[in-house]
Amino acid sequence: SYKKTKRKLEMLENKCTQLKNAKVSDRYKMVRFFEKRKLFRKLKQASKCHGSDSSETQEIRDKINYIVYYPLGEKYISLLPKEPYSDKTVINKTERTYKVYCR
């Protein structure tokens, strides 16, 4: 019976974390969608002007990777904010995450 209750507790904890992750990911779903759209548009323009192997197109692809592979359970930090970030912790977190998911 101890193993059953322990297993039930683990199942409930997993379900709780899944619900939290879903709630957070739903909150930022539209932001990520529109940023991805903007970046695909920029990628198309850059590949027409500079070619598909230029450093500018690679930088845009890295930004797209950041958006796609950003952890869903965490608060999403936008790559294209309306105003530049001034908080040092947000800037540092963005840079660390960018390094992890982009090359």
PDB file of N, CA and C in Angstrom:
ATOM      1  N   SER A   1       0.806  -1.191   0.000  1.00  0.00           N
ATOM      2  CA  SER A   1       0.000   0.000   0.000  1.00  0.00           C
ATOM      3  C   SER A   1       0.857   1.267   0.000  1.00  0.00           C
ATOM      4  N   TYR A   2       2.043   1.177   0.648  1.00  0.00           N
ATOM      5  CA  TYR A   2       2.959   2.325   0.638  1.00  0.00           C
ATOM      6  C   TYR A   2       3.425   2.626  -0.784  1.00  0.00           C
ATOM      7  N   LYS A   3       3.733   1.567  -1.543  1.00  0.00           N
ATOM      8  CA  LYS A   3       4.186   1.753  -2.919  1.00  0.00           C
ATOM      9  C   LYS A   3       3.068   2.344  -3.788  1.00  0.00           C
ATOM     10  N   LYS A   4       1.834   1.914  -3.544  1.00  0.00           N
ATOM     11  CA  LYS A   4       0.714   2.428  -4.321  1.00  0.00           C
ATOM     12  C   LYS A   4       0.508   3.912  -4.061  1.00  0.00           C
ATOM     13  N   THR A   5       0.544   4.304  -2.785  1.00  0.00           N
ATOM     14  CA  THR A   5       0.360   5.726  -2.466  1.00  0.00           C
ATOM     15  C   THR A   5       1.516   6.555  -2.987  1.00  0.00           C
ATOM     16  N   LYS A   6       2.716   6.002  -2.923  1.00  0.00           N
ATOM     17  CA  LYS A   6       3.882   6.717  -3.459  1.00  0.00           C
ATOM     18  C   LYS A   6       3.731   6.895  -4.970  1.00  0.00           C
ATOM     19  N   ARG A   7       3.291   5.857  -5.649  1.00  0.00           N
ATOM     20  CA  ARG A   7       3.087   5.913  -7.097  1.00  0.00           C
ATOM     21  C   ARG A   7       1.991   6.924  -7.450  1.00  0.00           C
ATOM     22  N   LYS A   8       0.904   6.931  -6.670  1.00  0.00           N
ATOM     23  CA  LYS A   8      -0.182   7.892  -6.899  1.00  0.00           C
ATOM     24  C   LYS A   8       0.315   9.323  -6.701  1.00  0.00           C
ATOM     25  N   LEU A   9       1.121   9.513  -5.659  1.00  0.00           N
ATOM     26  CA  LEU A   9       1.677  10.834  -5.387  1.00  0.00           C
ATOM     27  C   LEU A   9       2.564  11.304  -6.537  1.00  0.00           C
ATOM     28  N   GLU A  10       3.409  10.423  -7.061  1.00  0.00           N
ATOM     29  CA  GLU A  10       4.260  10.753  -8.206  1.00  0.00           C
ATOM     30  C   GLU A  10       3.417  11.092  -9.429  1.00  0.00           C
ATOM     31  N   MET A  11       2.355  10.336  -9.651  1.00  0.00           N
ATOM     32  CA  MET A  11       1.490  10.596 -10.796  1.00  0.00           C
ATOM     33  C   MET A  11       0.823  11.968 -10.669  1.00  0.00           C
ATOM     34  N   LEU A  12       0.362  12.299  -9.464  1.00  0.00           N
ATOM     35  CA  LEU A  12      -0.274  13.594  -9.247  1.00  0.00           C
ATOM     36  C   LEU A  12       0.725  14.740  -9.410  1.00  0.00           C
ATOM     37  N   GLU A  13       1.950  14.545  -8.929  1.00  0.00           N
ATOM     38  CA  GLU A  13       2.982  15.575  -9.097  1.00  0.00           C
ATOM     39  C   GLU A  13       3.306  15.787 -10.571  1.00  0.00           C
ATOM     40  N   ASN A  14       3.422  14.698 -11.317  1.00  0.00           N
ATOM     41  CA  ASN A  14       3.676  14.806 -12.757  1.00  0.00           C
ATOM     42  C   ASN A  14       2.539  15.527 -13.461  1.00  0.00           C
ATOM     43  N   LYS A  15       1.315  15.193 -13.093  1.00  0.00           N
ATOM     44  CA  LYS A  15       0.157  15.840 -13.708  1.00  0.00           C
ATOM     45  C   LYS A  15       0.139  17.326 -13.386  1.00  0.00           C
ATOM     46  N   CYS A  16       0.493  17.678 -12.156  1.00  0.00           N
ATOM     47  CA  CYS A  16       0.524  19.076 -11.727  1.00  0.00           C
ATOM     48  C   CYS A  16       1.569  19.860 -12.521  1.00  0.00           C
ATOM     49  N   THR A  17       2.771  19.301 -12.683  1.00  0.00           N
ATOM     50  CA  THR A  17       3.808  19.999 -13.450  1.00  0.00           C
ATOM     51  C   THR A  17       3.420  20.117 -14.918  1.00  0.00           C
ATOM     52  N   GLN A  18       2.760  19.090 -15.459  1.00  0.00           N
ATOM     53  CA  GLN A  18       2.306  19.171 -16.844  1.00  0.00           C
ATOM     54  C   GLN A  18       1.277  20.278 -17.020  1.00  0.00           C
ATOM     55  N   LEU A  19       0.365  20.410 -16.064  1.00  0.00           N
ATOM     56  CA  LEU A  19      -0.644  21.470 -16.138  1.00  0.00           C
ATOM     57  C   LEU A  19      -0.001  22.847 -16.032  1.00  0.00           C
ATOM     58  N   LYS A  20       0.985  22.987 -15.147  1.00  0.00           N
ATOM     59  CA  LYS A  20       1.684  24.267 -15.016  1.00  0.00           C
ATOM     60  C   LYS A  20       2.410  24.609 -16.308  1.00  0.00           C
ATOM     61  N   ASN A  21       3.106  23.612 -16.893  1.00  0.00           N
ATOM     62  CA  ASN A  21       3.821  23.842 -18.147  1.00  0.00           C
ATOM     63  C   ASN A  21       2.860  24.225 -19.266  1.00  0.00           C
ATOM     64  N   ALA A  22       1.719  23.569 -19.315  1.00  0.00           N
ATOM     65  CA  ALA A  22       0.737  23.874 -20.356  1.00  0.00           C
ATOM     66  C   ALA A  22       0.192  25.286 -20.180  1.00  0.00           C
ATOM     67  N   LYS A  23      -0.035  25.670 -18.939  1.00  0.00           N
ATOM     68  CA  LYS A  23      -0.563  27.006 -18.662  1.00  0.00           C
ATOM     69  C   LYS A  23       0.430  28.081 -19.083  1.00  0.00           C
ATOM     70  N   VAL A  24       1.708  27.876 -18.757  1.00  0.00           N
ATOM     71  CA  VAL A  24       2.744  28.841 -19.123  1.00  0.00           C
ATOM     72  C   VAL A  24       2.944  28.870 -20.629  1.00  0.00           C
ATOM     73  N   SER A  25       2.979  27.717 -21.270  1.00  0.00           N
ATOM     74  CA  SER A  25       3.201  27.684 -22.716  1.00  0.00           C
ATOM     75  C   SER A  25       2.027  28.308 -23.468  1.00  0.00           C
ATOM     76  N   ASP A  26       0.809  28.117 -22.959  1.00  0.00           N
ATOM     77  CA  ASP A  26      -0.356  28.740 -23.602  1.00  0.00           C
ATOM     78  C   ASP A  26      -0.298  30.254 -23.511  1.00  0.00           C
ATOM     79  N   ARG A  27       0.251  30.751 -22.412  1.00  0.00           N
ATOM     80  CA  ARG A  27       0.328  32.193 -22.220  1.00  0.00           C
ATOM     81  C   ARG A  27       1.222  32.846 -23.268  1.00  0.00           C
ATOM     82  N   TYR A  28       2.289  32.177 -23.650  1.00  0.00           N
ATOM     83  CA  TYR A  28       3.268  32.768 -24.579  1.00  0.00           C
ATOM     84  C   TYR A  28       3.173  32.214 -25.992  1.00  0.00           C
ATOM     85  N   LYS A  29       2.147  31.432 -26.258  1.00  0.00           N
ATOM     86  CA  LYS A  29       2.009  30.789 -27.568  1.00  0.00           C
ATOM     87  C   LYS A  29       1.891  31.800 -28.703  1.00  0.00           C
ATOM     88  N   MET A  30       1.062  32.817 -28.515  1.00  0.00           N
ATOM     89  CA  MET A  30       0.858  33.822 -29.564  1.00  0.00           C
ATOM     90  C   MET A  30       2.110  34.660 -29.791  1.00  0.00           C
ATOM     91  N   VAL A  31       2.789  35.028 -28.707  1.00  0.00           N
ATOM     92  CA  VAL A  31       4.010  35.824 -28.826  1.00  0.00           C
ATOM     93  C   VAL A  31       5.038  35.064 -29.641  1.00  0.00           C
ATOM     94  N   ARG A  32       5.223  33.794 -29.310  1.00  0.00           N
ATOM     95  CA  ARG A  32       6.200  32.977 -30.030  1.00  0.00           C
ATOM     96  C   ARG A  32       5.796  32.821 -31.496  1.00  0.00           C
ATOM     97  N   PHE A  33       4.504  32.624 -31.742  1.00  0.00           N
ATOM     98  CA  PHE A  33       4.011  32.458 -33.103  1.00  0.00           C
ATOM     99  C   PHE A  33       4.317  33.690 -33.947  1.00  0.00           C
ATOM    100  N   PHE A  34       4.003  34.886 -33.421  1.00  0.00           N
ATOM    101  CA  PHE A  34       4.218  36.105 -34.203  1.00  0.00           C
ATOM    102  C   PHE A  34       5.697  36.416 -34.374  1.00  0.00           C
ATOM    103  N   GLU A  35       6.504  36.113 -33.363  1.00  0.00           N
ATOM    104  CA  GLU A  35       7.949  36.328 -33.518  1.00  0.00           C
ATOM    105  C   GLU A  35       8.517  35.406 -34.584  1.00  0.00           C
ATOM    106  N   LYS A  36       8.056  34.166 -34.578  1.00  0.00           N
ATOM    107  CA  LYS A  36       8.519  33.222 -35.591  1.00  0.00           C
ATOM    108  C   LYS A  36       8.136  33.696 -36.986  1.00  0.00           C
ATOM    109  N   ARG A  37       6.915  34.203 -37.096  1.00  0.00           N
ATOM    110  CA  ARG A  37       6.437  34.720 -38.382  1.00  0.00           C
ATOM    111  C   ARG A  37       7.293  35.875 -38.883  1.00  0.00           C
ATOM    112  N   LYS A  38       7.591  36.826 -37.987  1.00  0.00           N
ATOM    113  CA  LYS A  38       8.430  37.972 -38.346  1.00  0.00           C
ATOM    114  C   LYS A  38       9.816  37.511 -38.786  1.00  0.00           C
ATOM    115  N   LEU A  39      10.362  36.551 -38.044  1.00  0.00           N
ATOM    116  CA  LEU A  39      11.710  36.086 -38.377  1.00  0.00           C
ATOM    117  C   LEU A  39      11.736  35.316 -39.695  1.00  0.00           C
ATOM    118  N   PHE A  40      10.698  34.545 -39.985  1.00  0.00           N
ATOM    119  CA  PHE A  40      10.655  33.853 -41.281  1.00  0.00           C
ATOM    120  C   PHE A  40      10.578  34.860 -42.426  1.00  0.00           C
ATOM    121  N   ARG A  41       9.843  35.942 -42.199  1.00  0.00           N
ATOM    122  CA  ARG A  41       9.775  36.999 -43.206  1.00  0.00           C
ATOM    123  C   ARG A  41      11.154  37.633 -43.409  1.00  0.00           C
ATOM    124  N   LYS A  42      11.846  37.924 -42.290  1.00  0.00           N
ATOM    125  CA  LYS A  42      13.191  38.497 -42.382  1.00  0.00           C
ATOM    126  C   LYS A  42      14.155  37.532 -43.049  1.00  0.00           C
ATOM    127  N   LEU A  43      14.014  36.240 -42.762  1.00  0.00           N
ATOM    128  CA  LEU A  43      14.880  35.224 -43.363  1.00  0.00           C
ATOM    129  C   LEU A  43      14.688  35.186 -44.870  1.00  0.00           C
ATOM    130  N   LYS A  44      13.458  35.271 -45.302  1.00  0.00           N
ATOM    131  CA  LYS A  44      13.158  35.259 -46.735  1.00  0.00           C
ATOM    132  C   LYS A  44      13.797  36.467 -47.426  1.00  0.00           C
ATOM    133  N   GLN A  45      13.669  37.648 -46.800  1.00  0.00           N
ATOM    134  CA  GLN A  45      14.263  38.859 -47.363  1.00  0.00           C
ATOM    135  C   GLN A  45      15.784  38.776 -47.378  1.00  0.00           C
ATOM    136  N   ALA A  46      16.365  38.295 -46.290  1.00  0.00           N
ATOM    137  CA  ALA A  46      17.818  38.224 -46.191  1.00  0.00           C
ATOM    138  C   ALA A  46      18.395  37.215 -47.184  1.00  0.00           C
ATOM    139  N   SER A  47      17.703  36.100 -47.386  1.00  0.00           N
ATOM    140  CA  SER A  47      18.216  35.105 -48.327  1.00  0.00           C
ATOM    141  C   SER A  47      18.115  35.605 -49.762  1.00  0.00           C
ATOM    142  N   LYS A  48      17.134  36.461 -50.065  1.00  0.00           N
ATOM    143  CA  LYS A  48      17.052  37.058 -51.394  1.00  0.00           C
ATOM    144  C   LYS A  48      18.200  38.037 -51.618  1.00  0.00           C
ATOM    145  N   CYS A  49      18.499  38.844 -50.599  1.00  0.00           N
ATOM    146  CA  CYS A  49      19.532  39.878 -50.731  1.00  0.00           C
ATOM    147  C   CYS A  49      20.946  39.322 -50.610  1.00  0.00           C
ATOM    148  N   HIS A  50      21.177  38.491 -49.596  1.00  0.00           N
ATOM    149  CA  HIS A  50      22.539  38.075 -49.271  1.00  0.00           C
ATOM    150  C   HIS A  50      22.854  36.628 -49.620  1.00  0.00           C
ATOM    151  N   GLY A  51      21.886  35.863 -49.982  1.00  0.00           N
ATOM    152  CA  GLY A  51      22.101  34.443 -50.229  1.00  0.00           C
ATOM    153  C   GLY A  51      21.778  33.648 -48.978  1.00  0.00           C
ATOM    154  N   SER A  52      21.585  32.357 -49.139  1.00  0.00           N
ATOM    155  CA  SER A  52      21.130  31.535 -48.018  1.00  0.00           C
ATOM    156  C   SER A  52      22.236  31.148 -47.049  1.00  0.00           C
ATOM    157  N   ASP A  53      23.505  31.365 -47.409  1.00  0.00           N
ATOM    158  CA  ASP A  53      24.606  30.970 -46.531  1.00  0.00           C
ATOM    159  C   ASP A  53      25.285  32.147 -45.838  1.00  0.00           C
ATOM    160  N   SER A  54      24.696  33.308 -45.878  1.00  0.00           N
ATOM    161  CA  SER A  54      25.328  34.474 -45.270  1.00  0.00           C
ATOM    162  C   SER A  54      25.200  34.434 -43.746  1.00  0.00           C
ATOM    163  N   SER A  55      26.010  35.263 -43.092  1.00  0.00           N
ATOM    164  CA  SER A  55      25.986  35.302 -41.626  1.00  0.00           C
ATOM    165  C   SER A  55      24.671  35.884 -41.109  1.00  0.00           C
ATOM    166  N   GLU A  56      24.073  36.783 -41.878  1.00  0.00           N
ATOM    167  CA  GLU A  56      22.803  37.376 -41.453  1.00  0.00           C
ATOM    168  C   GLU A  56      21.693  36.334 -41.443  1.00  0.00           C
ATOM    169  N   THR A  57      21.639  35.506 -42.478  1.00  0.00           N
ATOM    170  CA  THR A  57      20.603  34.470 -42.512  1.00  0.00           C
ATOM    171  C   THR A  57      20.843  33.434 -41.409  1.00  0.00           C
ATOM    172  N   GLN A  58      22.105  33.144 -41.116  1.00  0.00           N
ATOM    173  CA  GLN A  58      22.403  32.191 -40.040  1.00  0.00           C
ATOM    174  C   GLN A  58      21.985  32.751 -38.689  1.00  0.00           C
ATOM    175  N   GLU A  59      22.167  34.042 -38.490  1.00  0.00           N
ATOM    176  CA  GLU A  59      21.748  34.678 -37.237  1.00  0.00           C
ATOM    177  C   GLU A  59      20.231  34.611 -37.073  1.00  0.00           C
ATOM    178  N   ILE A  60      19.517  34.816 -38.163  1.00  0.00           N
ATOM    179  CA  ILE A  60      18.049  34.729 -38.112  1.00  0.00           C
ATOM    180  C   ILE A  60      17.617  33.298 -37.826  1.00  0.00           C
ATOM    181  N   ARG A  61      18.292  32.321 -38.435  1.00  0.00           N
ATOM    182  CA  ARG A  61      17.981  30.911 -38.156  1.00  0.00           C
ATOM    183  C   ARG A  61      18.224  30.572 -36.690  1.00  0.00           C
ATOM    184  N   ASP A  62      19.296  31.136 -36.120  1.00  0.00           N
ATOM    185  CA  ASP A  62      19.573  30.915 -34.696  1.00  0.00           C
ATOM    186  C   ASP A  62      18.452  31.474 -33.829  1.00  0.00           C
ATOM    187  N   LYS A  63      17.932  32.629 -34.201  1.00  0.00           N
ATOM    188  CA  LYS A  63      16.825  33.214 -33.443  1.00  0.00           C
ATOM    189  C   LYS A  63      15.572  32.344 -33.551  1.00  0.00           C
ATOM    190  N   ILE A  64      15.348  31.782 -34.725  1.00  0.00           N
ATOM    191  CA  ILE A  64      14.198  30.884 -34.902  1.00  0.00           C
ATOM    192  C   ILE A  64      14.372  29.646 -34.027  1.00  0.00           C
ATOM    193  N   ASN A  65      15.602  29.112 -33.969  1.00  0.00           N
ATOM    194  CA  ASN A  65      15.874  27.964 -33.107  1.00  0.00           C
ATOM    195  C   ASN A  65      15.614  28.295 -31.644  1.00  0.00           C
ATOM    196  N   TYR A  66      15.984  29.508 -31.237  1.00  0.00           N
ATOM    197  CA  TYR A  66      15.737  29.955 -29.866  1.00  0.00           C
ATOM    198  C   TYR A  66      14.250  29.880 -29.559  1.00  0.00           C
ATOM    199  N   ILE A  67      13.430  30.365 -30.482  1.00  0.00           N
ATOM    200  CA  ILE A  67      11.981  30.378 -30.261  1.00  0.00           C
ATOM    201  C   ILE A  67      11.426  28.956 -30.234  1.00  0.00           C
ATOM    202  N   VAL A  68      11.861  28.133 -31.170  1.00  0.00           N
ATOM    203  CA  VAL A  68      11.311  26.775 -31.290  1.00  0.00           C
ATOM    204  C   VAL A  68      11.702  25.906 -30.099  1.00  0.00           C
ATOM    205  N   TYR A  69      12.957  25.978 -29.676  1.00  0.00           N
ATOM    206  CA  TYR A  69      13.456  25.075 -28.640  1.00  0.00           C
ATOM    207  C   TYR A  69      13.458  25.669 -27.239  1.00  0.00           C
ATOM    208  N   TYR A  70      12.873  26.845 -27.060  1.00  0.00           N
ATOM    209  CA  TYR A  70      12.797  27.442 -25.723  1.00  0.00           C
ATOM    210  C   TYR A  70      11.940  26.542 -24.836  1.00  0.00           C
ATOM    211  N   PRO A  71      12.360  26.282 -23.593  1.00  0.00           N
ATOM    212  CA  PRO A  71      11.582  25.392 -22.713  1.00  0.00           C
ATOM    213  C   PRO A  71      10.159  25.910 -22.495  1.00  0.00           C
ATOM    214  N   LEU A  72       9.187  25.036 -22.681  1.00  0.00           N
ATOM    215  CA  LEU A  72       7.786  25.440 -22.623  1.00  0.00           C
ATOM    216  C   LEU A  72       7.323  25.777 -21.213  1.00  0.00           C
ATOM    217  N   GLY A  73       7.938  25.202 -20.201  1.00  0.00           N
ATOM    218  CA  GLY A  73       7.505  25.429 -18.831  1.00  0.00           C
ATOM    219  C   GLY A  73       8.026  26.714 -18.222  1.00  0.00           C
ATOM    220  N   GLU A  74       8.882  27.433 -18.923  1.00  0.00           N
ATOM    221  CA  GLU A  74       9.468  28.657 -18.387  1.00  0.00           C
ATOM    222  C   GLU A  74       8.848  29.877 -19.041  1.00  0.00           C
ATOM    223  N   LYS A  75       8.934  30.998 -18.317  1.00  0.00           N
ATOM    224  CA  LYS A  75       8.435  32.256 -18.851  1.00  0.00           C
ATOM    225  C   LYS A  75       9.265  32.608 -20.083  1.00  0.00           C
ATOM    226  N   TYR A  76       8.594  32.893 -21.188  1.00  0.00           N
ATOM    227  CA  TYR A  76       9.287  33.180 -22.446  1.00  0.00           C
ATOM    228  C   TYR A  76       9.802  34.613 -22.452  1.00  0.00           C
ATOM    229  N   ILE A  77      11.073  34.771 -22.813  1.00  0.00           N
ATOM    230  CA  ILE A  77      11.680  36.090 -22.932  1.00  0.00           C
ATOM    231  C   ILE A  77      11.806  36.401 -24.415  1.00  0.00           C
ATOM    232  N   SER A  78      11.128  37.423 -24.837  1.00  0.00           N
ATOM    233  CA  SER A  78      11.035  37.777 -26.247  1.00  0.00           C
ATOM    234  C   SER A  78      12.379  38.209 -26.823  1.00  0.00           C
ATOM    235  N   LEU A  79      12.630  37.821 -28.066  1.00  0.00           N
ATOM    236  CA  LEU A  79      13.824  38.286 -28.782  1.00  0.00           C
ATOM    237  C   LEU A  79      13.570  39.621 -29.458  1.00  0.00           C
ATOM    238  N   LEU A  80      12.309  39.931 -29.702  1.00  0.00           N
ATOM    239  CA  LEU A  80      11.950  41.154 -30.401  1.00  0.00           C
ATOM    240  C   LEU A  80      11.033  42.017 -29.531  1.00  0.00           C
ATOM    241  N   PRO A  81      11.529  42.516 -28.390  1.00  0.00           N
ATOM    242  CA  PRO A  81      10.662  43.312 -27.520  1.00  0.00           C
ATOM    243  C   PRO A  81      10.399  44.691 -28.105  1.00  0.00           C
ATOM    244  N   LYS A  82       9.301  45.308 -27.680  1.00  0.00           N
ATOM    245  CA  LYS A  82       8.981  46.654 -28.157  1.00  0.00           C
ATOM    246  C   LYS A  82      10.028  47.650 -27.685  1.00  0.00           C
ATOM    247  N   GLU A  83      10.473  47.494 -26.434  1.00  0.00           N
ATOM    248  CA  GLU A  83      11.534  48.332 -25.881  1.00  0.00           C
ATOM    249  C   GLU A  83      12.639  47.400 -25.391  1.00  0.00           C
ATOM    250  N   PRO A  84      13.902  47.789 -25.559  1.00  0.00           N
ATOM    251  CA  PRO A  84      15.004  46.926 -25.095  1.00  0.00           C
ATOM    252  C   PRO A  84      14.921  46.671 -23.594  1.00  0.00           C
ATOM    253  N   TYR A  85      15.347  45.483 -23.195  1.00  0.00           N
ATOM    254  CA  TYR A  85      15.326  45.127 -21.782  1.00  0.00           C
ATOM    255  C   TYR A  85      16.374  45.928 -21.021  1.00  0.00           C
ATOM    256  N   SER A  86      16.027  46.344 -19.812  1.00  0.00           N
ATOM    257  CA  SER A  86      16.973  47.070 -18.979  1.00  0.00           C
ATOM    258  C   SER A  86      17.391  46.247 -17.767  1.00  0.00           C
ATOM    259  N   ASP A  87      16.615  45.218 -17.429  1.00  0.00           N
ATOM    260  CA  ASP A  87      16.916  44.374 -16.275  1.00  0.00           C
ATOM    261  C   ASP A  87      18.071  43.428 -16.603  1.00  0.00           C
ATOM    262  N   LYS A  88      19.113  43.465 -15.783  1.00  0.00           N
ATOM    263  CA  LYS A  88      20.317  42.644 -16.033  1.00  0.00           C
ATOM    264  C   LYS A  88      20.027  41.155 -15.975  1.00  0.00           C
ATOM    265  N   THR A  89      19.148  40.719 -15.065  1.00  0.00           N
ATOM    266  CA  THR A  89      18.875  39.285 -14.951  1.00  0.00           C
ATOM    267  C   THR A  89      18.173  38.768 -16.194  1.00  0.00           C
ATOM    268  N   VAL A  90      17.270  39.551 -16.751  1.00  0.00           N
ATOM    269  CA  VAL A  90      16.563  39.146 -17.972  1.00  0.00           C
ATOM    270  C   VAL A  90      17.546  39.077 -19.142  1.00  0.00           C
ATOM    271  N   ILE A  91      18.427  40.052 -19.235  1.00  0.00           N
ATOM    272  CA  ILE A  91      19.419  40.078 -20.315  1.00  0.00           C
ATOM    273  C   ILE A  91      20.349  38.874 -20.203  1.00  0.00           C
ATOM    274  N   ASN A  92      20.820  38.580 -18.991  1.00  0.00           N
ATOM    275  CA  ASN A  92      21.712  37.434 -18.791  1.00  0.00           C
ATOM    276  C   ASN A  92      21.019  36.117 -19.112  1.00  0.00           C
ATOM    277  N   LYS A  93      19.762  35.970 -18.687  1.00  0.00           N
ATOM    278  CA  LYS A  93      19.026  34.737 -18.963  1.00  0.00           C
ATOM    279  C   LYS A  93      18.818  34.562 -20.464  1.00  0.00           C
ATOM    280  N   THR A  94      18.499  35.651 -21.153  1.00  0.00           N
ATOM    281  CA  THR A  94      18.313  35.592 -22.600  1.00  0.00           C
ATOM    282  C   THR A  94      19.599  35.159 -23.280  1.00  0.00           C
ATOM    283  N   GLU A  95      20.723  35.730 -22.867  1.00  0.00           N
ATOM    284  CA  GLU A  95      22.011  35.379 -23.477  1.00  0.00           C
ATOM    285  C   GLU A  95      22.368  33.924 -23.215  1.00  0.00           C
ATOM    286  N   ARG A  96      22.160  33.455 -21.965  1.00  0.00           N
ATOM    287  CA  ARG A  96      22.470  32.050 -21.650  1.00  0.00           C
ATOM    288  C   ARG A  96      21.605  31.105 -22.470  1.00  0.00           C
ATOM    289  N   THR A  97      20.304  31.373 -22.541  1.00  0.00           N
ATOM    290  CA  THR A  97      19.399  30.519 -23.286  1.00  0.00           C
ATOM    291  C   THR A  97      19.728  30.552 -24.773  1.00  0.00           C
ATOM    292  N   TYR A  98      20.071  31.737 -25.276  1.00  0.00           N
ATOM    293  CA  TYR A  98      20.424  31.880 -26.682  1.00  0.00           C
ATOM    294  C   TYR A  98      21.646  31.026 -27.010  1.00  0.00           C
ATOM    295  N   LYS A  99      22.644  31.026 -26.127  1.00  0.00           N
ATOM    296  CA  LYS A  99      23.863  30.234 -26.355  1.00  0.00           C
ATOM    297  C   LYS A  99      23.551  28.740 -26.369  1.00  0.00           C
ATOM    298  N   VAL A 100      22.640  28.319 -25.507  1.00  0.00           N
ATOM    299  CA  VAL A 100      22.301  26.894 -25.420  1.00  0.00           C
ATOM    300  C   VAL A 100      21.599  26.406 -26.692  1.00  0.00           C
ATOM    301  N   TYR A 101      20.637  27.189 -27.174  1.00  0.00           N
ATOM    302  CA  TYR A 101      19.805  26.727 -28.299  1.00  0.00           C
ATOM    303  C   TYR A 101      20.270  27.191 -29.664  1.00  0.00           C
ATOM    304  N   CYS A 102      21.293  28.017 -29.710  1.00  0.00           N
ATOM    305  CA  CYS A 102      21.783  28.528 -30.982  1.00  0.00           C
ATOM    306  C   CYS A 102      23.264  28.219 -31.097  1.00  0.00           C
ATOM    307  N   ARG A 103      23.547  27.169 -31.773  1.00  0.00           N
ATOM    308  CA  ARG A 103      24.906  26.691 -32.013  1.00  0.00           C
ATOM    309  C   ARG A 103      25.606  26.268 -30.807  1.00  0.00           C
TER     310      ARG A 103
END
